[in-house]
């Protein structure tokens, strides 16, 4: 795998993991019973985006490292996935 391929896989994985982590551990205005005019009740009070971005980057790096190890040591190959053995 070259660096461009690794970056592409990292980029796609990062967004997938980010959208999985994004709704976790949020508190909405509706949960707290706060009624603000002009704001929908499902708007998060404090979404902790910086923390979620850091966690997403770390989790994505771990997943990418596992994938690189699997393909580097030929534990799983593309031919094996396609059944071309």
N, C-alpha and C. Protein backbone atom coordinates (compact mmCIF):
# COMPACT_ATOMS: atom_id res chain seq x y z
N UNK A 1 0.84 -1.18 0.00
CA UNK A 1 0.00 0.00 0.00
C UNK A 1 0.88 1.24 0.00
N UNK A 2 0.58 2.15 -0.87
CA UNK A 2 1.34 3.39 -0.85
C UNK A 2 0.65 4.40 0.08
N UNK A 3 1.30 5.53 0.28
CA UNK A 3 0.80 6.51 1.24
C UNK A 3 -0.52 7.15 0.80
N UNK A 4 -0.69 7.31 -0.49
CA UNK A 4 -1.93 7.88 -1.00
C UNK A 4 -3.12 6.97 -0.69
N UNK A 5 -2.94 5.67 -0.86
CA UNK A 5 -3.99 4.71 -0.56
C UNK A 5 -4.29 4.70 0.93
N UNK A 6 -3.24 4.73 1.76
CA UNK A 6 -3.44 4.76 3.21
C UNK A 6 -4.20 6.01 3.64
N UNK A 7 -3.85 7.15 3.04
CA UNK A 7 -4.55 8.38 3.38
C UNK A 7 -6.02 8.30 2.96
N UNK A 8 -6.28 7.75 1.80
CA UNK A 8 -7.66 7.61 1.33
C UNK A 8 -8.48 6.70 2.24
N UNK A 9 -7.90 5.58 2.64
CA UNK A 9 -8.59 4.68 3.55
C UNK A 9 -8.80 5.34 4.90
N UNK A 10 -7.78 6.06 5.39
CA UNK A 10 -7.91 6.77 6.66
C UNK A 10 -9.01 7.82 6.59
N UNK A 11 -9.06 8.56 5.49
CA UNK A 11 -10.05 9.63 5.32
C UNK A 11 -11.47 9.06 5.35
N UNK A 12 -11.71 7.99 4.61
CA UNK A 12 -13.05 7.39 4.57
C UNK A 12 -13.41 6.78 5.93
N UNK A 13 -12.46 6.05 6.53
CA UNK A 13 -12.71 5.47 7.85
C UNK A 13 -12.98 6.54 8.90
N UNK A 14 -12.24 7.66 8.81
CA UNK A 14 -12.39 8.73 9.79
C UNK A 14 -13.82 9.26 9.79
N UNK A 15 -14.38 9.50 8.61
CA UNK A 15 -15.74 10.01 8.53
C UNK A 15 -16.76 8.98 9.00
N UNK A 16 -16.54 7.71 8.69
CA UNK A 16 -17.46 6.67 9.16
C UNK A 16 -17.45 6.60 10.68
N UNK A 17 -16.26 6.58 11.26
CA UNK A 17 -16.13 6.51 12.73
C UNK A 17 -16.69 7.79 13.36
N UNK A 18 -16.45 8.94 12.73
CA UNK A 18 -16.95 10.20 13.27
C UNK A 18 -18.47 10.21 13.36
N UNK A 19 -19.14 9.72 12.31
CA UNK A 19 -20.60 9.69 12.33
C UNK A 19 -21.13 8.63 13.29
N UNK A 20 -20.33 7.64 13.64
CA UNK A 20 -20.74 6.67 14.66
C UNK A 20 -20.59 7.28 16.05
N UNK A 21 -19.50 8.01 16.28
CA UNK A 21 -19.22 8.58 17.60
C UNK A 21 -20.02 9.86 17.86
N UNK A 22 -20.38 10.58 16.83
CA UNK A 22 -21.02 11.89 16.98
C UNK A 22 -22.27 11.89 17.86
N UNK A 23 -23.20 10.96 17.73
CA UNK A 23 -24.40 11.05 18.58
C UNK A 23 -24.22 10.50 20.00
N UNK A 24 -23.06 9.98 20.33
CA UNK A 24 -22.85 9.40 21.65
C UNK A 24 -22.66 10.48 22.71
N UNK A 25 -23.25 10.27 23.87
CA UNK A 25 -23.04 11.10 25.05
C UNK A 25 -23.39 12.57 24.81
N UNK A 26 -24.58 12.82 24.26
CA UNK A 26 -25.03 14.19 24.08
C UNK A 26 -26.22 14.45 24.99
N UNK A 27 -26.37 15.69 25.41
CA UNK A 27 -27.51 16.13 26.19
C UNK A 27 -28.22 17.22 25.40
N UNK A 28 -29.49 17.04 25.15
CA UNK A 28 -30.24 17.99 24.35
C UNK A 28 -31.02 18.95 25.24
N UNK A 29 -31.54 19.99 24.62
CA UNK A 29 -32.38 20.93 25.34
C UNK A 29 -33.65 20.25 25.85
N UNK A 30 -34.16 19.29 25.07
CA UNK A 30 -35.36 18.58 25.46
C UNK A 30 -35.10 17.69 26.68
N UNK A 31 -33.88 17.10 26.76
CA UNK A 31 -33.54 16.26 27.91
C UNK A 31 -33.51 17.07 29.20
N UNK A 32 -33.00 18.28 29.12
CA UNK A 32 -32.88 19.14 30.30
C UNK A 32 -34.16 19.91 30.60
N UNK A 33 -35.11 19.89 29.66
CA UNK A 33 -36.37 20.62 29.86
C UNK A 33 -36.23 22.11 29.62
N UNK A 34 -35.21 22.50 28.84
CA UNK A 34 -34.98 23.91 28.53
C UNK A 34 -35.76 24.25 27.27
N UNK A 35 -36.56 25.32 27.34
CA UNK A 35 -37.33 25.74 26.18
C UNK A 35 -36.84 27.11 25.74
N UNK A 36 -36.07 27.15 24.66
CA UNK A 36 -35.56 28.40 24.12
C UNK A 36 -36.27 28.66 22.80
N UNK A 37 -36.81 29.85 22.65
CA UNK A 37 -37.54 30.17 21.44
C UNK A 37 -36.60 30.25 20.25
N UNK A 38 -36.98 29.57 19.17
CA UNK A 38 -36.18 29.58 17.96
C UNK A 38 -35.16 28.45 17.88
N UNK A 39 -35.08 27.61 18.91
CA UNK A 39 -34.14 26.48 18.92
C UNK A 39 -34.95 25.20 19.06
N UNK A 40 -34.65 24.23 18.21
CA UNK A 40 -35.34 22.94 18.28
C UNK A 40 -34.89 22.20 19.53
N UNK A 41 -35.75 21.38 20.06
CA UNK A 41 -35.46 20.68 21.31
C UNK A 41 -34.36 19.64 21.21
N UNK A 42 -34.04 19.17 20.00
CA UNK A 42 -33.03 18.13 19.85
C UNK A 42 -31.62 18.69 19.65
N UNK A 43 -31.46 19.99 19.76
CA UNK A 43 -30.13 20.60 19.60
C UNK A 43 -29.29 20.27 20.83
N UNK A 44 -28.07 19.76 20.64
CA UNK A 44 -27.22 19.43 21.78
C UNK A 44 -26.81 20.69 22.55
N UNK A 45 -26.73 20.56 23.86
CA UNK A 45 -26.29 21.68 24.69
C UNK A 45 -24.78 21.85 24.56
N UNK A 46 -24.04 20.79 24.76
CA UNK A 46 -22.58 20.83 24.63
C UNK A 46 -22.15 19.57 23.88
N UNK A 47 -21.93 19.67 22.56
CA UNK A 47 -21.64 18.46 21.79
C UNK A 47 -20.23 17.89 21.97
N UNK A 48 -19.32 18.62 22.62
CA UNK A 48 -17.93 18.16 22.85
C UNK A 48 -17.25 17.73 21.55
N UNK A 49 -17.30 18.58 20.54
CA UNK A 49 -16.78 18.22 19.23
C UNK A 49 -15.28 17.98 19.21
N UNK A 50 -14.52 18.79 19.94
CA UNK A 50 -13.06 18.59 19.95
C UNK A 50 -12.70 17.23 20.52
N UNK A 51 -13.33 16.84 21.61
CA UNK A 51 -13.09 15.53 22.22
C UNK A 51 -13.47 14.41 21.25
N UNK A 52 -14.60 14.57 20.56
CA UNK A 52 -15.05 13.55 19.63
C UNK A 52 -14.14 13.46 18.41
N UNK A 53 -13.59 14.57 17.97
CA UNK A 53 -12.63 14.55 16.86
C UNK A 53 -11.36 13.83 17.26
N UNK A 54 -10.88 14.08 18.47
CA UNK A 54 -9.66 13.40 18.96
C UNK A 54 -9.90 11.90 19.11
N UNK A 55 -11.03 11.52 19.68
CA UNK A 55 -11.37 10.10 19.85
C UNK A 55 -11.52 9.44 18.48
N UNK A 56 -12.16 10.13 17.55
CA UNK A 56 -12.35 9.59 16.20
C UNK A 56 -11.00 9.34 15.53
N UNK A 57 -10.09 10.28 15.64
CA UNK A 57 -8.76 10.13 15.04
C UNK A 57 -8.02 8.94 15.65
N UNK A 58 -8.08 8.80 16.97
CA UNK A 58 -7.40 7.70 17.65
C UNK A 58 -8.00 6.35 17.25
N UNK A 59 -9.32 6.24 17.25
CA UNK A 59 -9.98 4.98 16.90
C UNK A 59 -9.70 4.63 15.44
N UNK A 60 -9.74 5.62 14.55
CA UNK A 60 -9.47 5.38 13.14
C UNK A 60 -8.03 4.92 12.93
N UNK A 61 -7.10 5.54 13.65
CA UNK A 61 -5.71 5.12 13.55
C UNK A 61 -5.53 3.66 13.97
N UNK A 62 -6.20 3.25 15.05
CA UNK A 62 -6.12 1.86 15.52
C UNK A 62 -6.69 0.91 14.47
N UNK A 63 -7.86 1.26 13.90
CA UNK A 63 -8.47 0.41 12.87
C UNK A 63 -7.57 0.30 11.66
N UNK A 64 -6.99 1.43 11.22
CA UNK A 64 -6.09 1.41 10.07
C UNK A 64 -4.83 0.59 10.35
N UNK A 65 -4.31 0.69 11.56
CA UNK A 65 -3.14 -0.10 11.94
C UNK A 65 -3.45 -1.59 11.88
N UNK A 66 -4.62 -1.97 12.36
CA UNK A 66 -5.03 -3.39 12.30
C UNK A 66 -5.15 -3.85 10.85
N UNK A 67 -5.75 -3.02 10.00
CA UNK A 67 -5.88 -3.38 8.58
C UNK A 67 -4.52 -3.52 7.90
N UNK A 68 -3.60 -2.61 8.19
CA UNK A 68 -2.26 -2.68 7.60
C UNK A 68 -1.54 -3.94 8.05
N UNK A 69 -1.65 -4.29 9.31
CA UNK A 69 -1.01 -5.51 9.83
C UNK A 69 -1.61 -6.75 9.17
N UNK A 70 -2.95 -6.76 9.03
CA UNK A 70 -3.61 -7.91 8.41
C UNK A 70 -3.13 -8.11 6.97
N UNK A 71 -3.04 -7.04 6.20
CA UNK A 71 -2.63 -7.18 4.80
C UNK A 71 -1.11 -7.30 4.64
N UNK A 72 -0.33 -6.71 5.55
CA UNK A 72 1.13 -6.79 5.45
C UNK A 72 1.63 -8.21 5.70
N UNK A 73 1.06 -8.88 6.71
CA UNK A 73 1.48 -10.23 7.05
C UNK A 73 0.67 -11.30 6.32
N UNK A 74 -0.11 -10.91 5.32
CA UNK A 74 -0.90 -11.82 4.50
C UNK A 74 -1.84 -12.71 5.31
N UNK A 75 -2.35 -12.17 6.40
CA UNK A 75 -3.36 -12.89 7.16
C UNK A 75 -4.65 -12.96 6.35
N UNK A 76 -4.91 -11.89 5.63
CA UNK A 76 -6.06 -11.81 4.74
C UNK A 76 -5.59 -11.14 3.46
N UNK A 77 -5.86 -11.77 2.35
CA UNK A 77 -5.45 -11.20 1.07
C UNK A 77 -6.68 -10.92 0.22
N UNK A 78 -6.49 -10.08 -0.79
CA UNK A 78 -7.58 -9.77 -1.70
C UNK A 78 -8.00 -11.03 -2.46
N UNK A 79 -7.02 -11.86 -2.86
CA UNK A 79 -7.34 -13.12 -3.55
C UNK A 79 -8.14 -14.05 -2.66
N UNK A 80 -7.80 -14.07 -1.36
CA UNK A 80 -8.56 -14.89 -0.43
C UNK A 80 -9.99 -14.41 -0.23
N UNK A 81 -10.14 -13.09 -0.26
CA UNK A 81 -11.49 -12.53 -0.12
C UNK A 81 -12.34 -12.88 -1.33
N UNK A 82 -11.73 -12.77 -2.51
CA UNK A 82 -12.46 -13.05 -3.75
C UNK A 82 -12.58 -14.53 -4.05
N UNK A 83 -11.86 -15.39 -3.33
CA UNK A 83 -11.91 -16.82 -3.54
C UNK A 83 -11.15 -17.29 -4.75
N UNK A 84 -10.03 -16.62 -5.07
CA UNK A 84 -9.25 -16.95 -6.26
C UNK A 84 -8.14 -17.95 -5.95
N UNK A 85 -7.97 -18.34 -4.72
CA UNK A 85 -6.86 -19.23 -4.34
C UNK A 85 -6.69 -20.29 -5.32
